[in-house]
Amino acid sequence: NPCVGELAELDALNKELAEKGGALIGVNTFTLGGDEAAISEAKDVLAKKGVTYQNVYFDSDGEAGKFAANIFAYPTTYVVDRNGNIVGDPIVGAITEPKQAEALQAQIDKALSADKG
């Protein structure tokens, strides 16, 4: 529920990031390994919420899949710079909460300023 609850904010954030040359990408860890039922359910939720940003799933045996499989708090948000480096610490909890939103914006600003430098 907290993940679904932040979908509108994430979609709005994706639009802001697009104006700055960035993008938001969603990962549903329940879809790891291509679980068709989980993928279908995720697609239904995303469509009902009108989400326009890209969502992906990974092979559970790959590096990204193994990384995602070790996420145990939902939602968890990572900021990744253009070079694939994680910026700051993971943000645990919905970005609809002020503390998480502030931390996320600080990490986005850091990634963007490094990108300009």
Protein backbone atom coordinates (compact mmCIF):
# COMPACT_ATOMS: atom_id res chain seq x y z
CA ASN A 1 0.00 0.00 0.00
CA PRO A 2 2.70 2.63 0.74
CA CYS A 3 4.24 1.89 -2.67
CA VAL A 4 0.92 2.33 -4.46
CA GLY A 5 0.20 5.43 -2.39
CA GLU A 6 3.22 7.27 -3.76
CA LEU A 7 2.69 6.46 -7.46
CA ALA A 8 1.13 9.85 -8.31
CA GLU A 9 4.00 11.70 -6.63
CA LEU A 10 6.55 9.51 -8.40
CA ASP A 11 4.86 10.18 -11.74
CA ALA A 12 4.97 13.94 -11.09
CA LEU A 13 8.62 13.65 -10.04
CA ASN A 14 9.42 11.82 -13.27
CA LYS A 15 8.00 14.73 -15.26
CA GLU A 16 10.15 17.19 -13.28
CA LEU A 17 13.23 15.03 -13.80
CA ALA A 18 12.57 14.76 -17.53
CA GLU A 19 12.83 18.55 -17.80
CA LYS A 20 16.31 18.30 -16.22
CA GLY A 21 17.47 15.38 -18.35
CA GLY A 22 16.72 12.66 -15.79
CA ALA A 23 14.19 9.89 -15.41
CA LEU A 24 12.49 7.85 -12.76
CA ILE A 25 12.43 4.08 -13.15
CA GLY A 26 10.26 1.85 -10.99
CA VAL A 27 11.24 -1.64 -9.87
CA ASN A 28 8.76 -4.01 -8.28
CA THR A 29 10.78 -6.66 -6.46
CA PHE A 30 7.84 -9.06 -6.57
CA THR A 31 8.34 -9.27 -10.35
CA LEU A 32 11.95 -10.50 -10.11
CA GLY A 33 12.67 -13.44 -12.34
CA GLY A 34 9.71 -12.69 -14.62
CA ASP A 35 6.89 -13.82 -12.30
CA GLU A 36 4.02 -13.47 -14.81
CA ALA A 37 1.27 -13.15 -12.19
CA ALA A 38 3.16 -10.41 -10.33
CA ILE A 39 3.97 -8.62 -13.60
CA SER A 40 0.32 -8.71 -14.65
CA GLU A 41 -0.81 -7.39 -11.26
CA ALA A 42 1.82 -4.63 -11.35
CA LYS A 43 0.76 -3.60 -14.87
CA ASP A 44 -2.88 -3.41 -13.74
CA VAL A 45 -2.02 -1.22 -10.73
CA LEU A 46 0.19 1.07 -12.83
CA ALA A 47 -2.49 1.43 -15.50
CA LYS A 48 -5.24 2.15 -12.96
CA LYS A 49 -3.07 4.84 -11.35
CA GLY A 50 -2.16 6.36 -14.73
CA VAL A 51 1.58 5.93 -14.22
CA THR A 52 3.63 7.03 -17.22
CA TYR A 53 7.20 6.46 -16.01
CA GLN A 54 9.11 3.33 -16.99
CA ASN A 55 8.88 0.25 -14.77
CA VAL A 56 11.21 -2.70 -15.17
CA TYR A 57 11.88 -6.14 -13.75
CA PHE A 58 15.09 -8.10 -13.63
CA ASP A 59 16.28 -11.66 -13.88
CA SER A 60 16.72 -12.72 -10.26
CA ASP A 61 20.12 -14.26 -11.04
CA GLY A 62 21.58 -11.08 -12.55
CA GLU A 63 23.47 -8.40 -10.65
CA ALA A 64 20.49 -6.01 -10.58
CA GLY A 65 18.13 -8.81 -9.53
CA LYS A 66 20.39 -9.84 -6.67
CA PHE A 67 20.67 -6.21 -5.57
CA ALA A 68 16.88 -5.74 -5.66
CA ALA A 69 16.28 -9.04 -3.84
CA ASN A 70 18.15 -7.60 -0.85
CA ILE A 71 15.69 -4.75 -0.41
CA PHE A 72 13.48 -5.60 2.54
CA ALA A 73 11.68 -2.33 3.29
CA TYR A 74 8.98 -1.02 0.97
CA PRO A 75 9.08 1.45 -0.57
CA THR A 76 12.82 2.09 -0.83
CA THR A 77 14.11 4.74 -3.20
CA TYR A 78 17.60 5.03 -4.65
CA VAL A 79 19.00 7.96 -6.60
CA VAL A 80 21.39 6.83 -9.32
CA ASP A 81 23.50 9.28 -11.28
CA ARG A 82 24.14 9.23 -15.02
CA ASN A 83 27.18 6.98 -14.49
CA GLY A 84 25.24 4.34 -12.55
CA ASN A 85 26.52 5.36 -9.12
CA ILE A 86 24.14 5.36 -6.16
CA VAL A 87 23.93 8.85 -4.66
CA GLY A 88 23.58 8.95 -0.87
CA ASP A 89 21.79 6.39 1.24
CA PRO A 90 18.60 4.59 0.27
CA ILE A 91 15.44 6.43 1.27
CA VAL A 92 13.17 4.08 3.17
CA GLY A 93 9.50 5.00 3.31
CA ALA A 94 7.13 6.74 0.97
CA ILE A 95 8.34 9.97 -0.57
CA THR A 96 4.96 11.43 0.34
CA GLU A 97 6.39 11.90 3.85
CA PRO A 98 8.21 15.24 4.33
CA LYS A 99 11.45 13.74 5.69
CA GLN A 100 11.76 11.30 2.79
CA ALA A 101 10.79 13.95 0.22
CA GLU A 102 13.46 16.30 1.58
CA ALA A 103 16.13 13.58 1.52
CA LEU A 104 15.15 12.61 -2.02
CA GLN A 105 15.33 16.19 -3.29
CA ALA A 106 18.75 16.67 -1.68
CA GLN A 107 20.07 13.54 -3.41
CA ILE A 108 18.56 14.57 -6.75
CA ASP A 109 20.14 18.02 -6.42
CA LYS A 110 23.50 16.41 -5.60
CA ALA A 111 23.30 14.11 -8.65
CA LEU A 112 22.29 16.98 -10.94
CA SER A 113 25.02 19.33 -9.69
CA ALA A 114 27.66 16.61 -10.16
CA ASP A 115 26.31 16.07 -13.67
CA LYS A 116 26.89 19.74 -14.53
CA GLY A 117 30.42 19.75 -13.09
